[in-house]
Amino acid sequence: MAEPGSLHRLAIRAEAWVERVRPRRAVERPVLDAYRGYAVAGRSVVLRGRVLASLRRTTPDPGQSRWQNMREMVSLFLTDEVADVEVIAPSHGVTSKSDAEGYVVIEIPVEAPRPGWHDVPLQITGDPESRKTFRAMIPSPRARLGVVSDIDDTMMHTGAYSLARNLWTTFTGSAATRRVFPDAIVLMDHLNNHGRNPIFYVSSSPWNLHSFLERVFDRAGLIAGPMFLRDLGISETQFISGTHGDHKGSAIDRILGANPDLDFVLIGDTGQHDAHVYLEACHRHAGRIRAVILREPGPGPDDASRAAIASIRRLGVMVAHGPDFAGIAEKLDAAGIEI
């Protein structure tokens, strides 16, 4: 195993210091935080969430100051996770325990699944008052393709191509001020085709922002879908759960593995090397990636992104890229991609 780098070592020491000055206290009544789950080959649903000491939420107000926005956003990252808590689906008798970072995953068999959002109540074992509804999306049997989309600078303005701009936008905005691109809403409506085709979102944003992103999407009218976000856990063997590309690539693999009968369209931007990540996905899933769509934020694609785009095209996969999503529907139609 490779030795941790200097930044990794610094992060471990910082977390240890935080634990000393802010030790985790015993939690009498942990709570559940529910994330959007997904279906596996029409036979089961995967429910995902976290066990926490308490829930933290922002209270969006378009008129509040950036300082207040920052205080609320920072609070979302100051969670107290609770490990080794048993969570049960009472209606199925299936249990799972939260891991060291509080995450819990339960897979529930589903007979004769109906397409749409499938609701399953989960609770902490022995605490009926902790019961919460967890949701998972079951694709329609009429689906013609699936869609995997990035979030930052693809669906909504973030400035992720610049670390300073990204941090400023993330921590000084609120669910009432964050802007979803209007052309992204139109494109996703088109690709979803009245609920026929499933939408999945993959982002390097941490799971702490799941509820926040749900509210941003719902407020904008963006098609809902399961989110695959990133664990910011730090340990001797892990630093921010690997790289952006590793996280996004493994999420794509999981989504395609759960939907073996569907081909996919991948949507992203050129600001975070999505072209390279999607090129590798095209190699791993030969014949199943029908199109790659890339927004070009900020300075636009660099030489590495342009080379990756050219390589994707040589594989016979349609690529559409530009500063916005105008005309994408027509390009998909011209390429013979049936929505």
C-alpha atoms as a PDB file:
ATOM      1  CA  MET A   1       0.000   0.000   0.000  1.00  0.00           C
ATOM      2  CA  ALA A   2       1.376   3.409  -0.964  1.00  0.00           C
ATOM      3  CA  GLU A   3       2.325   5.847   1.749  1.00  0.00           C
ATOM      4  CA  PRO A   4      -0.155   8.724   2.104  1.00  0.00           C
ATOM      5  CA  GLY A   5       0.923  12.011   0.509  1.00  0.00           C
ATOM      6  CA  SER A   6       1.699  15.170   2.460  1.00  0.00           C
ATOM      7  CA  LEU A   7      -1.782  16.651   1.938  1.00  0.00           C
ATOM      8  CA  HIS A   8      -3.339  13.333   3.001  1.00  0.00           C
ATOM      9  CA  ARG A   9      -1.179  13.235   6.157  1.00  0.00           C
ATOM     10  CA  LEU A  10      -2.100  16.832   6.951  1.00  0.00           C
ATOM     11  CA  ALA A  11      -5.807  16.002   6.572  1.00  0.00           C
ATOM     12  CA  ILE A  12      -5.470  13.002   8.924  1.00  0.00           C
ATOM     13  CA  ARG A  13      -3.762  15.182  11.544  1.00  0.00           C
ATOM     14  CA  ALA A  14      -6.380  17.909  11.139  1.00  0.00           C
ATOM     15  CA  GLU A  15      -9.208  15.418  11.612  1.00  0.00           C
ATOM     16  CA  ALA A  16      -7.491  13.993  14.697  1.00  0.00           C
ATOM     17  CA  TRP A  17      -7.162  17.510  16.119  1.00  0.00           C
ATOM     18  CA  VAL A  18     -10.853  18.191  15.478  1.00  0.00           C
ATOM     19  CA  GLU A  19     -11.725  14.938  17.261  1.00  0.00           C
ATOM     20  CA  ARG A  20      -9.700  16.080  20.284  1.00  0.00           C
ATOM     21  CA  VAL A  21     -11.158  19.585  20.549  1.00  0.00           C
ATOM     22  CA  ARG A  22     -14.656  18.482  19.473  1.00  0.00           C
ATOM     23  CA  PRO A  23     -14.962  14.852  20.627  1.00  0.00           C
ATOM     24  CA  ARG A  24     -17.983  12.886  19.486  1.00  0.00           C
ATOM     25  CA  ARG A  25     -20.464  12.549  22.291  1.00  0.00           C
ATOM     26  CA  ALA A  26     -22.700   9.585  22.936  1.00  0.00           C
ATOM     27  CA  VAL A  27     -25.869   9.826  20.857  1.00  0.00           C
ATOM     28  CA  GLU A  28     -29.080   8.732  22.546  1.00  0.00           C
ATOM     29  CA  ARG A  29     -31.445   9.079  19.573  1.00  0.00           C
ATOM     30  CA  PRO A  30     -29.685   8.959  16.196  1.00  0.00           C
ATOM     31  CA  VAL A  31     -31.687   9.943  13.110  1.00  0.00           C
ATOM     32  CA  LEU A  32     -31.820   8.795   9.495  1.00  0.00           C
ATOM     33  CA  ASP A  33     -30.939  10.926   6.497  1.00  0.00           C
ATOM     34  CA  ALA A  34     -32.450   9.419   3.327  1.00  0.00           C
ATOM     35  CA  TYR A  35     -30.827   9.585  -0.114  1.00  0.00           C
ATOM     36  CA  ARG A  36     -32.369   8.722  -3.472  1.00  0.00           C
ATOM     37  CA  GLY A  37     -31.818   5.074  -4.319  1.00  0.00           C
ATOM     38  CA  TYR A  38     -31.933   3.013  -7.497  1.00  0.00           C
ATOM     39  CA  ALA A  39     -33.131  -0.322  -8.883  1.00  0.00           C
ATOM     40  CA  VAL A  40     -30.992  -3.310  -9.863  1.00  0.00           C
ATOM     41  CA  ALA A  41     -32.102  -5.102 -13.023  1.00  0.00           C
ATOM     42  CA  GLY A  42     -35.763  -4.785 -12.026  1.00  0.00           C
ATOM     43  CA  ARG A  43     -35.405  -7.343  -9.209  1.00  0.00           C
ATOM     44  CA  SER A  44     -34.473  -5.181  -6.201  1.00  0.00           C
ATOM     45  CA  VAL A  45     -34.022  -1.620  -5.019  1.00  0.00           C
ATOM     46  CA  VAL A  46     -30.952  -0.231  -3.291  1.00  0.00           C
ATOM     47  CA  LEU A  47     -31.843   2.183  -0.492  1.00  0.00           C
ATOM     48  CA  ARG A  48     -29.109   4.525   0.706  1.00  0.00           C
ATOM     49  CA  GLY A  49     -28.775   6.940   3.587  1.00  0.00           C
ATOM     50  CA  ARG A  50     -26.833   7.892   6.666  1.00  0.00           C
ATOM     51  CA  VAL A  51     -27.170   7.625  10.423  1.00  0.00           C
ATOM     52  CA  LEU A  52     -26.469  10.980  12.106  1.00  0.00           C
ATOM     53  CA  ALA A  53     -26.688  12.506  15.547  1.00  0.00           C
ATOM     54  CA  SER A  54     -29.020  15.146  14.077  1.00  0.00           C
ATOM     55  CA  LEU A  55     -30.112  16.494  10.722  1.00  0.00           C
ATOM     56  CA  ARG A  56     -28.726  19.778   9.437  1.00  0.00           C
ATOM     57  CA  ARG A  57     -30.674  21.759   6.845  1.00  0.00           C
ATOM     58  CA  THR A  58     -30.416  25.215   5.346  1.00  0.00           C
ATOM     59  CA  THR A  59     -33.305  27.699   5.284  1.00  0.00           C
ATOM     60  CA  PRO A  60     -33.101  29.305   1.850  1.00  0.00           C
ATOM     61  CA  ASP A  61     -34.010  32.973   1.691  1.00  0.00           C
ATOM     62  CA  PRO A  62     -33.131  34.974  -1.438  1.00  0.00           C
ATOM     63  CA  GLY A  63     -32.713  38.078   0.702  1.00  0.00           C
ATOM     64  CA  GLN A  64     -30.267  36.741   3.272  1.00  0.00           C
ATOM     65  CA  SER A  65     -26.625  37.783   3.174  1.00  0.00           C
ATOM     66  CA  ARG A  66     -23.752  35.793   1.705  1.00  0.00           C
ATOM     67  CA  TRP A  67     -22.337  35.557   5.240  1.00  0.00           C
ATOM     68  CA  GLN A  68     -25.527  33.863   6.455  1.00  0.00           C
ATOM     69  CA  ASN A  69     -25.473  31.573   3.419  1.00  0.00           C
ATOM     70  CA  MET A  70     -21.880  30.645   4.246  1.00  0.00           C
ATOM     71  CA  ARG A  71     -22.697  29.875   7.874  1.00  0.00           C
ATOM     72  CA  GLU A  72     -25.560  27.599   6.824  1.00  0.00           C
ATOM     73  CA  MET A  73     -23.558  25.839   4.108  1.00  0.00           C
ATOM     74  CA  VAL A  74     -20.617  25.218   6.439  1.00  0.00           C
ATOM     75  CA  SER A  75     -23.033  23.703   8.973  1.00  0.00           C
ATOM     76  CA  LEU A  76     -23.977  21.015   6.421  1.00  0.00           C
ATOM     77  CA  PHE A  77     -20.413  19.687   6.618  1.00  0.00           C
ATOM     78  CA  LEU A  78     -20.292  19.587  10.429  1.00  0.00           C
ATOM     79  CA  THR A  79     -22.222  16.350  10.764  1.00  0.00           C
ATOM     80  CA  ASP A  80     -21.855  13.872  13.611  1.00  0.00           C
ATOM     81  CA  GLU A  81     -21.975  10.431  12.004  1.00  0.00           C
ATOM     82  CA  VAL A  82     -23.009   7.415  14.059  1.00  0.00           C
ATOM     83  CA  ALA A  83     -21.397   4.047  13.305  1.00  0.00           C
ATOM     84  CA  ASP A  84     -22.587   0.483  14.011  1.00  0.00           C
ATOM     85  CA  VAL A  85     -26.287   1.368  14.198  1.00  0.00           C
ATOM     86  CA  GLU A  86     -28.632  -1.320  12.887  1.00  0.00           C
ATOM     87  CA  VAL A  87     -31.235  -0.111  10.405  1.00  0.00           C
ATOM     88  CA  ILE A  88     -34.177  -2.306   9.407  1.00  0.00           C
ATOM     89  CA  ALA A  89     -36.807  -2.374   6.682  1.00  0.00           C
ATOM     90  CA  PRO A  90     -39.720  -3.623   8.868  1.00  0.00           C
ATOM     91  CA  SER A  91     -41.866  -4.658   5.918  1.00  0.00           C
ATOM     92  CA  HIS A  92     -39.119  -6.940   4.577  1.00  0.00           C
ATOM     93  CA  GLY A  93     -37.127  -7.929   7.654  1.00  0.00           C
ATOM     94  CA  VAL A  94     -33.868  -6.846   6.001  1.00  0.00           C
ATOM     95  CA  THR A  95     -31.228  -5.139   8.143  1.00  0.00           C
ATOM     96  CA  SER A  96     -27.906  -3.381   7.681  1.00  0.00           C
ATOM     97  CA  LYS A  97     -25.453  -1.560   9.950  1.00  0.00           C
ATOM     98  CA  SER A  98     -24.037   1.916   9.459  1.00  0.00           C
ATOM     99  CA  ASP A  99     -20.321   2.052   8.650  1.00  0.00           C
ATOM    100  CA  ALA A 100     -17.634   4.218  10.229  1.00  0.00           C
ATOM    101  CA  GLU A 101     -18.913   7.318   8.394  1.00  0.00           C
ATOM    102  CA  GLY A 102     -22.557   6.574   9.207  1.00  0.00           C
ATOM    103  CA  TYR A 103     -23.503   5.372   5.715  1.00  0.00           C
ATOM    104  CA  VAL A 104     -26.026   2.574   5.402  1.00  0.00           C
ATOM    105  CA  VAL A 105     -27.129   0.598   2.330  1.00  0.00           C
ATOM    106  CA  ILE A 106     -30.023  -1.870   2.232  1.00  0.00           C
ATOM    107  CA  GLU A 107     -31.057  -3.894  -0.828  1.00  0.00           C
ATOM    108  CA  ILE A 108     -34.729  -4.905  -0.875  1.00  0.00           C
ATOM    109  CA  PRO A 109     -36.209  -7.486  -3.284  1.00  0.00           C
ATOM    110  CA  VAL A 110     -39.134  -6.189  -5.323  1.00  0.00           C
ATOM    111  CA  GLU A 111     -41.682  -8.444  -6.987  1.00  0.00           C
ATOM    112  CA  ALA A 112     -43.537  -7.199 -10.084  1.00  0.00           C
ATOM    113  CA  PRO A 113     -41.995  -3.722  -9.745  1.00  0.00           C
ATOM    114  CA  ARG A 114     -43.957  -0.774 -11.044  1.00  0.00           C
ATOM    115  CA  PRO A 115     -41.932   1.958 -12.764  1.00  0.00           C
ATOM    116  CA  GLY A 116     -41.428   5.209 -10.913  1.00  0.00           C
ATOM    117  CA  TRP A 117     -40.396   6.021  -7.382  1.00  0.00           C
ATOM    118  CA  HIS A 118     -40.670   3.087  -4.977  1.00  0.00           C
ATOM    119  CA  ASP A 119     -41.106   4.002  -1.290  1.00  0.00           C
ATOM    120  CA  VAL A 120     -39.847   1.791   1.552  1.00  0.00           C
ATOM    121  CA  PRO A 121     -39.974   2.759   5.251  1.00  0.00           C
ATOM    122  CA  LEU A 122     -36.748   2.220   7.184  1.00  0.00           C
ATOM    123  CA  GLN A 123     -36.078   2.748  10.864  1.00  0.00           C
ATOM    124  CA  ILE A 124     -33.366   2.310  13.433  1.00  0.00           C
ATOM    125  CA  THR A 125     -33.909  -1.060  15.086  1.00  0.00           C
ATOM    126  CA  GLY A 126     -35.799  -0.634  18.348  1.00  0.00           C
ATOM    127  CA  ASP A 127     -36.808   2.975  17.613  1.00  0.00           C
ATOM    128  CA  PRO A 128     -40.096   3.146  15.650  1.00  0.00           C
ATOM    129  CA  GLU A 129     -40.105   6.952  15.922  1.00  0.00           C
ATOM    130  CA  SER A 130     -36.968   7.071  13.756  1.00  0.00           C
ATOM    131  CA  ARG A 131     -38.934   5.644  10.804  1.00  0.00           C
ATOM    132  CA  LYS A 132     -38.379   7.476   7.554  1.00  0.00           C
ATOM    133  CA  THR A 133     -39.435   6.839   3.953  1.00  0.00           C
ATOM    134  CA  PHE A 134     -36.571   5.959   1.619  1.00  0.00           C
ATOM    135  CA  ARG A 135     -37.136   6.218  -2.139  1.00  0.00           C
ATOM    136  CA  ALA A 136     -35.641   4.381  -5.091  1.00  0.00           C
ATOM    137  CA  MET A 137     -36.312   4.891  -8.797  1.00  0.00           C
ATOM    138  CA  ILE A 138     -37.428   1.909 -10.886  1.00  0.00           C
ATOM    139  CA  PRO A 139     -36.981   2.532 -14.647  1.00  0.00           C
ATOM    140  CA  SER A 140     -39.839   1.936 -17.024  1.00  0.00           C
ATOM    141  CA  PRO A 141     -39.756  -1.300 -19.040  1.00  0.00           C
ATOM    142  CA  ARG A 142     -40.426   0.979 -22.040  1.00  0.00           C
ATOM    143  CA  ALA A 143     -37.107   2.801 -21.531  1.00  0.00           C
ATOM    144  CA  ARG A 144     -35.041   3.179 -24.687  1.00  0.00           C
ATOM    145  CA  LEU A 145     -31.892   4.490 -23.018  1.00  0.00           C
ATOM    146  CA  GLY A 146     -30.539   5.774 -19.725  1.00  0.00           C
ATOM    147  CA  VAL A 147     -28.887   9.101 -18.983  1.00  0.00           C
ATOM    148  CA  VAL A 148     -25.948   9.732 -16.645  1.00  0.00           C
ATOM    149  CA  SER A 149     -25.251  13.405 -15.991  1.00  0.00           C
ATOM    150  CA  ASP A 150     -22.707  15.397 -14.067  1.00  0.00           C
ATOM    151  CA  ILE A 151     -24.084  18.256 -11.913  1.00  0.00           C
ATOM    152  CA  ASP A 152     -21.557  21.071 -11.393  1.00  0.00           C
ATOM    153  CA  ASP A 153     -21.242  23.316 -14.474  1.00  0.00           C
ATOM    154  CA  THR A 154     -23.336  20.777 -16.404  1.00  0.00           C
ATOM    155  CA  MET A 155     -26.765  21.100 -14.801  1.00  0.00           C
ATOM    156  CA  MET A 156     -26.070  24.191 -12.688  1.00  0.00           C
ATOM    157  CA  HIS A 157     -23.544  26.987 -12.553  1.00  0.00           C
ATOM    158  CA  THR A 158     -20.735  26.312 -10.090  1.00  0.00           C
ATOM    159  CA  GLY A 159     -17.387  27.321 -11.559  1.00  0.00           C
ATOM    160  CA  ALA A 160     -15.890  23.918 -10.712  1.00  0.00           C
ATOM    161  CA  TYR A 161     -13.142  24.484 -13.298  1.00  0.00           C
ATOM    162  CA  SER A 162     -11.666  26.977 -10.815  1.00  0.00           C
ATOM    163  CA  LEU A 163     -11.208  25.872  -7.176  1.00  0.00           C
ATOM    164  CA  ALA A 164     -11.564  29.411  -5.817  1.00  0.00           C
ATOM    165  CA  ARG A 165     -14.671  30.104  -7.906  1.00  0.00           C
ATOM    166  CA  ASN A 166     -16.142  26.718  -6.968  1.00  0.00           C
ATOM    167  CA  LEU A 167     -15.695  27.289  -3.228  1.00  0.00           C
ATOM    168  CA  TRP A 168     -17.105  30.834  -3.437  1.00  0.00           C
ATOM    169  CA  THR A 169     -20.203  29.693  -5.346  1.00  0.00           C
ATOM    170  CA  THR A 170     -20.769  26.666  -3.104  1.00  0.00           C
ATOM    171  CA  PHE A 171     -20.423  28.405   0.230  1.00  0.00           C
ATOM    172  CA  THR A 172     -21.985  31.822  -0.459  1.00  0.00           C
ATOM    173  CA  GLY A 173     -25.064  30.635  -2.357  1.00  0.00           C
ATOM    174  CA  SER A 174     -28.269  29.024  -1.115  1.00  0.00           C
ATOM    175  CA  ALA A 175     -30.958  26.726  -2.479  1.00  0.00           C
ATOM    176  CA  ALA A 176     -32.862  29.888  -3.409  1.00  0.00           C
ATOM    177  CA  THR A 177     -29.995  31.508  -5.320  1.00  0.00           C
ATOM    178  CA  ARG A 178     -28.167  28.613  -7.024  1.00  0.00           C
ATOM    179  CA  ARG A 179     -28.944  28.647 -10.742  1.00  0.00           C
ATOM    180  CA  VAL A 180     -29.822  25.591 -12.807  1.00  0.00           C
ATOM    181  CA  PHE A 181     -29.178  26.209 -16.500  1.00  0.00           C
ATOM    182  CA  PRO A 182     -32.505  26.615 -18.360  1.00  0.00           C
ATOM    183  CA  ASP A 183     -31.134  24.659 -21.350  1.00  0.00           C
ATOM    184  CA  ALA A 184     -30.267  21.774 -18.997  1.00  0.00           C
ATOM    185  CA  ILE A 185     -33.892  21.587 -17.846  1.00  0.00           C
ATOM    186  CA  VAL A 186     -35.077  21.480 -21.469  1.00  0.00           C
ATOM    187  CA  LEU A 187     -32.524  18.822 -22.458  1.00  0.00           C
ATOM    188  CA  MET A 188     -33.327  16.557 -19.512  1.00  0.00           C
ATOM    189  CA  ASP A 189     -37.061  16.865 -20.173  1.00  0.00           C
ATOM    190  CA  HIS A 190     -36.399  15.788 -23.739  1.00  0.00           C
ATOM    191  CA  LEU A 191     -34.179  12.851 -22.775  1.00  0.00           C
ATOM    192  CA  ASN A 192     -36.533  11.712 -20.007  1.00  0.00           C
ATOM    193  CA  ASN A 193     -39.376  11.636 -22.552  1.00  0.00           C
ATOM    194  CA  HIS A 194     -42.313  11.881 -20.126  1.00  0.00           C
ATOM    195  CA  GLY A 195     -40.799   9.393 -17.669  1.00  0.00           C
ATOM    196  CA  ARG A 196     -39.797   6.773 -20.253  1.00  0.00           C
ATOM    197  CA  ASN A 197     -36.010   7.070 -19.791  1.00  0.00           C
ATOM    198  CA  PRO A 198     -34.273   7.086 -16.369  1.00  0.00           C
ATOM    199  CA  ILE A 199     -31.961   9.924 -15.314  1.00  0.00           C
ATOM    200  CA  PHE A 200     -29.007   9.450 -12.939  1.00  0.00           C
ATOM    201  CA  TYR A 201     -26.795  12.190 -11.503  1.00  0.00           C
ATOM    202  CA  VAL A 202     -23.105  11.693 -10.660  1.00  0.00           C
ATOM    203  CA  SER A 203     -21.097  14.389  -8.911  1.00  0.00           C
ATOM    204  CA  SER A 204     -17.987  14.932  -6.829  1.00  0.00           C
ATOM    205  CA  SER A 205     -20.105  16.992  -4.443  1.00  0.00           C
ATOM    206  CA  PRO A 206     -20.242  15.340  -0.997  1.00  0.00           C
ATOM    207  CA  TRP A 207     -23.245  13.427   0.317  1.00  0.00           C
ATOM    208  CA  ASN A 208     -23.669  16.245   2.847  1.00  0.00           C
ATOM    209  CA  LEU A 209     -25.198  18.283  -0.005  1.00  0.00           C
ATOM    210  CA  HIS A 210     -27.771  15.660  -1.077  1.00  0.00           C
ATOM    211  CA  SER A 211     -30.786  17.378   0.500  1.00  0.00           C
ATOM    212  CA  PHE A 212     -29.521  20.779  -0.652  1.00  0.00           C
ATOM    213  CA  LEU A 213     -29.217  19.589  -4.262  1.00  0.00           C
ATOM    214  CA  GLU A 214     -32.666  17.980  -4.092  1.00  0.00           C
ATOM    215  CA  ARG A 215     -34.161  21.353  -3.190  1.00  0.00           C
ATOM    216  CA  VAL A 216     -32.216  23.185  -5.897  1.00  0.00           C
ATOM    217  CA  PHE A 217     -33.362  20.676  -8.535  1.00  0.00           C
ATOM    218  CA  ASP A 218     -36.982  20.587  -7.350  1.00  0.00           C
ATOM    219  CA  ARG A 219     -37.190  24.387  -7.220  1.00  0.00           C
ATOM    220  CA  ALA A 220     -35.864  24.634 -10.790  1.00  0.00           C
ATOM    221  CA  GLY A 221     -38.108  21.848 -12.127  1.00  0.00           C
ATOM    222  CA  LEU A 222     -35.174  19.622 -13.116  1.00  0.00           C
ATOM    223  CA  ILE A 223     -36.045  15.942 -13.651  1.00  0.00           C
ATOM    224  CA  ALA A 224     -35.408  13.976 -10.439  1.00  0.00           C
ATOM    225  CA  GLY A 225     -33.104  10.986 -10.393  1.00  0.00           C
ATOM    226  CA  PRO A 226     -30.873   8.966  -8.063  1.00  0.00           C
ATOM    227  CA  MET A 227     -27.690  10.811  -7.085  1.00  0.00           C
ATOM    228  CA  PHE A 228     -24.247   9.261  -6.769  1.00  0.00           C
ATOM    229  CA  LEU A 229     -22.278  11.710  -4.661  1.00  0.00           C
ATOM    230  CA  ARG A 230     -18.905  11.437  -2.961  1.00  0.00           C
ATOM    231  CA  ASP A 231     -17.752  10.433   0.486  1.00  0.00           C
ATOM    232  CA  LEU A 232     -15.415  13.011   2.020  1.00  0.00           C
ATOM    233  CA  GLY A 233     -14.190  10.556   4.653  1.00  0.00           C
ATOM    234  CA  ILE A 234     -10.520  10.657   5.629  1.00  0.00           C
ATOM    235  CA  SER A 235      -8.630   7.633   6.944  1.00  0.00           C
ATOM    236  CA  GLU A 236      -5.178   6.074   6.788  1.00  0.00           C
ATOM    237  CA  THR A 237      -6.153   4.363   3.518  1.00  0.00           C
ATOM    238  CA  GLN A 238      -8.552   6.916   2.014  1.00  0.00           C
ATOM    239  CA  PHE A 239      -8.384  10.613   1.231  1.00  0.00           C
ATOM    240  CA  ILE A 240     -11.640  12.174  -0.012  1.00  0.00           C
ATOM    241  CA  SER A 241     -12.648   8.781  -1.508  1.00  0.00           C
ATOM    242  CA  GLY A 242     -10.123   8.796  -4.352  1.00  0.00           C
ATOM    243  CA  THR A 243     -10.051  11.085  -7.368  1.00  0.00           C
ATOM    244  CA  HIS A 244     -12.887  12.786  -9.217  1.00  0.00           C
ATOM    245  CA  GLY A 245     -12.375  10.405 -12.145  1.00  0.00           C
ATOM    246  CA  ASP A 246     -12.271   7.288  -9.959  1.00  0.00           C
ATOM    247  CA  HIS A 247     -15.518   8.241  -8.230  1.00  0.00           C
ATOM    248  CA  LYS A 248     -17.342   9.162 -11.421  1.00  0.00           C
ATOM    249  CA  GLY A 249     -16.075   6.103 -13.297  1.00  0.00           C
ATOM    250  CA  SER A 250     -17.099   3.667 -10.564  1.00  0.00           C
ATOM    251  CA  ALA A 251     -20.544   5.311 -10.325  1.00  0.00           C
ATOM    252  CA  ILE A 252     -21.038   4.921 -14.080  1.00  0.00           C
ATOM    253  CA  ASP A 253     -20.039   1.255 -13.820  1.00  0.00           C
ATOM    254  CA  ARG A 254     -22.546   0.717 -11.002  1.00  0.00           C
ATOM    255  CA  ILE A 255     -25.373   2.403 -12.926  1.00  0.00           C
ATOM    256  CA  LEU A 256     -24.736   0.476 -16.149  1.00  0.00           C
ATOM    257  CA  GLY A 257     -24.360  -2.759 -14.178  1.00  0.00           C
ATOM    258  CA  ALA A 258     -27.748  -2.168 -12.539  1.00  0.00           C
ATOM    259  CA  ASN A 259     -29.363  -1.549 -15.957  1.00  0.00           C
ATOM    260  CA  PRO A 260     -27.830  -4.204 -18.242  1.00  0.00           C
ATOM    261  CA  ASP A 261     -30.485  -3.896 -20.944  1.00  0.00           C
ATOM    262  CA  LEU A 262     -30.064  -0.155 -21.513  1.00  0.00           C
ATOM    263  CA  ASP A 263     -27.651   1.866 -23.601  1.00  0.00           C
ATOM    264  CA  PHE A 264     -26.666   5.263 -22.201  1.00  0.00           C
ATOM    265  CA  VAL A 265     -26.033   8.913 -22.951  1.00  0.00           C
ATOM    266  CA  LEU A 266     -23.327  10.563 -20.809  1.00  0.00           C
ATOM    267  CA  ILE A 267     -23.567  14.295 -20.071  1.00  0.00           C
ATOM    268  CA  GLY A 268     -20.846  16.427 -18.505  1.00  0.00           C
ATOM    269  CA  ASP A 269     -18.568  19.388 -19.053  1.00  0.00           C
ATOM    270  CA  THR A 270     -14.992  20.053 -20.092  1.00  0.00           C
ATOM    271  CA  GLY A 271     -14.066  21.817 -16.844  1.00  0.00           C
ATOM    272  CA  GLN A 272     -13.350  18.671 -14.774  1.00  0.00           C
ATOM    273  CA  HIS A 273     -11.930  16.200 -17.299  1.00  0.00           C
ATOM    274  CA  ASP A 274     -15.292  14.555 -17.977  1.00  0.00           C
ATOM    275  CA  ALA A 275     -14.238  13.870 -21.580  1.00  0.00           C
ATOM    276  CA  HIS A 276     -11.402  11.643 -20.347  1.00  0.00           C
ATOM    277  CA  VAL A 277     -13.635   9.904 -17.764  1.00  0.00           C
ATOM    278  CA  TYR A 278     -16.262   9.253 -20.436  1.00  0.00           C
ATOM    279  CA  LEU A 279     -13.660   7.988 -22.919  1.00  0.00           C
ATOM    280  CA  GLU A 280     -12.622   5.352 -20.383  1.00  0.00           C
ATOM    281  CA  ALA A 281     -16.297   4.473 -19.830  1.00  0.00           C
ATOM    282  CA  CYS A 282     -16.729   3.998 -23.582  1.00  0.00           C
ATOM    283  CA  HIS A 283     -13.825   1.518 -23.538  1.00  0.00           C
ATOM    284  CA  ARG A 284     -15.173  -0.412 -20.528  1.00  0.00           C
ATOM    285  CA  HIS A 285     -18.734  -0.511 -21.877  1.00  0.00           C
ATOM    286  CA  ALA A 286     -18.131  -0.905 -25.587  1.00  0.00           C
ATOM    287  CA  GLY A 287     -21.298  -0.487 -27.632  1.00  0.00           C
ATOM    288  CA  ARG A 288     -23.446   0.744 -24.723  1.00  0.00           C
ATOM    289  CA  ILE A 289     -22.534   4.463 -24.802  1.00  0.00           C
ATOM    290  CA  ARG A 290     -24.597   6.000 -27.590  1.00  0.00           C
ATOM    291  CA  ALA A 291     -23.621   9.644 -27.134  1.00  0.00           C
ATOM    292  CA  VAL A 292     -21.489  12.006 -25.047  1.00  0.00           C
ATOM    293  CA  ILE A 293     -22.720  15.572 -24.493  1.00  0.00           C
ATOM    294  CA  LEU A 294     -20.342  18.168 -23.010  1.00  0.00           C
ATOM    295  CA  ARG A 295     -20.898  21.753 -21.931  1.00  0.00           C
ATOM    296  CA  GLU A 296     -17.847  24.002 -22.280  1.00  0.00           C
ATOM    297  CA  PRO A 297     -17.695  26.327 -19.242  1.00  0.00           C
ATOM    298  CA  GLY A 298     -15.133  29.039 -18.542  1.00  0.00           C
ATOM    299  CA  PRO A 299     -12.115  28.863 -20.859  1.00  0.00           C
ATOM    300  CA  GLY A 300     -13.498  25.841 -22.726  1.00  0.00           C
ATOM    301  CA  PRO A 301     -11.776  22.506 -23.404  1.00  0.00           C
ATOM    302  CA  ASP A 302      -8.023  22.118 -22.973  1.00  0.00           C
ATOM    303  CA  ASP A 303      -5.821  20.025 -25.241  1.00  0.00           C
ATOM    304  CA  ALA A 304      -6.395  16.871 -23.164  1.00  0.00           C
ATOM    305  CA  SER A 305     -10.182  17.245 -23.426  1.00  0.00           C
ATOM    306  CA  ARG A 306     -10.012  17.849 -27.174  1.00  0.00           C
ATOM    307  CA  ALA A 307      -7.873  14.728 -27.586  1.00  0.00           C
ATOM    308  CA  ALA A 308     -10.322  12.672 -25.516  1.00  0.00           C
ATOM    309  CA  ILE A 309     -13.256  13.968 -27.576  1.00  0.00           C
ATOM    310  CA  ALA A 310     -11.484  12.926 -30.780  1.00  0.00           C
ATOM    311  CA  SER A 311     -10.806   9.476 -29.324  1.00  0.00           C
ATOM    312  CA  ILE A 312     -14.466   9.027 -28.347  1.00  0.00           C
ATOM    313  CA  ARG A 313     -15.520   9.859 -31.901  1.00  0.00           C
ATOM    314  CA  ARG A 314     -13.050   7.325 -33.303  1.00  0.00           C
ATOM    315  CA  LEU A 315     -14.887   4.694 -31.252  1.00  0.00           C
ATOM    316  CA  GLY A 316     -18.030   5.527 -33.209  1.00  0.00           C
ATOM    317  CA  VAL A 317     -19.739   7.383 -30.345  1.00  0.00           C
ATOM    318  CA  MET A 318     -21.501  10.630 -31.145  1.00  0.00           C
ATOM    319  CA  VAL A 319     -20.076  13.662 -29.307  1.00  0.00           C
ATOM    320  CA  ALA A 320     -21.838  17.021 -29.056  1.00  0.00           C
ATOM    321  CA  HIS A 321     -20.063  19.860 -27.266  1.00  0.00           C
ATOM    322  CA  GLY A 322     -20.352  23.607 -27.032  1.00  0.00           C
ATOM    323  CA  PRO A 323     -20.964  26.511 -24.640  1.00  0.00           C
ATOM    324  CA  ASP A 324     -24.596  25.443 -24.211  1.00  0.00           C
ATOM    325  CA  PHE A 325     -27.011  22.622 -25.012  1.00  0.00           C
ATOM    326  CA  ALA A 326     -28.740  24.369 -27.924  1.00  0.00           C
ATOM    327  CA  GLY A 327     -29.547  22.030 -30.805  1.00  0.00           C
ATOM    328  CA  ILE A 328     -28.598  18.834 -28.932  1.00  0.00           C
ATOM    329  CA  ALA A 329     -31.997  17.198 -29.509  1.00  0.00           C
ATOM    330  CA  GLU A 330     -31.665  17.710 -33.254  1.00  0.00           C
ATOM    331  CA  LYS A 331     -28.127  16.275 -33.241  1.00  0.00           C
ATOM    332  CA  LEU A 332     -29.275  13.165 -31.391  1.00  0.00           C
ATOM    333  CA  ASP A 333     -32.094  12.713 -33.870  1.00  0.00           C
ATOM    334  CA  ALA A 334     -29.732  13.161 -36.828  1.00  0.00           C
ATOM    335  CA  ALA A 335     -27.452  10.503 -35.340  1.00  0.00           C
ATOM    336  CA  GLY A 336     -30.357   8.046 -35.220  1.00  0.00           C
ATOM    337  CA  ILE A 337     -30.496   7.921 -31.424  1.00  0.00           C
ATOM    338  CA  GLU A 338     -34.080   7.110 -30.539  1.00  0.00           C
ATOM    339  CA  ILE A 339     -35.353   8.847 -27.411  1.00  0.00           C
END
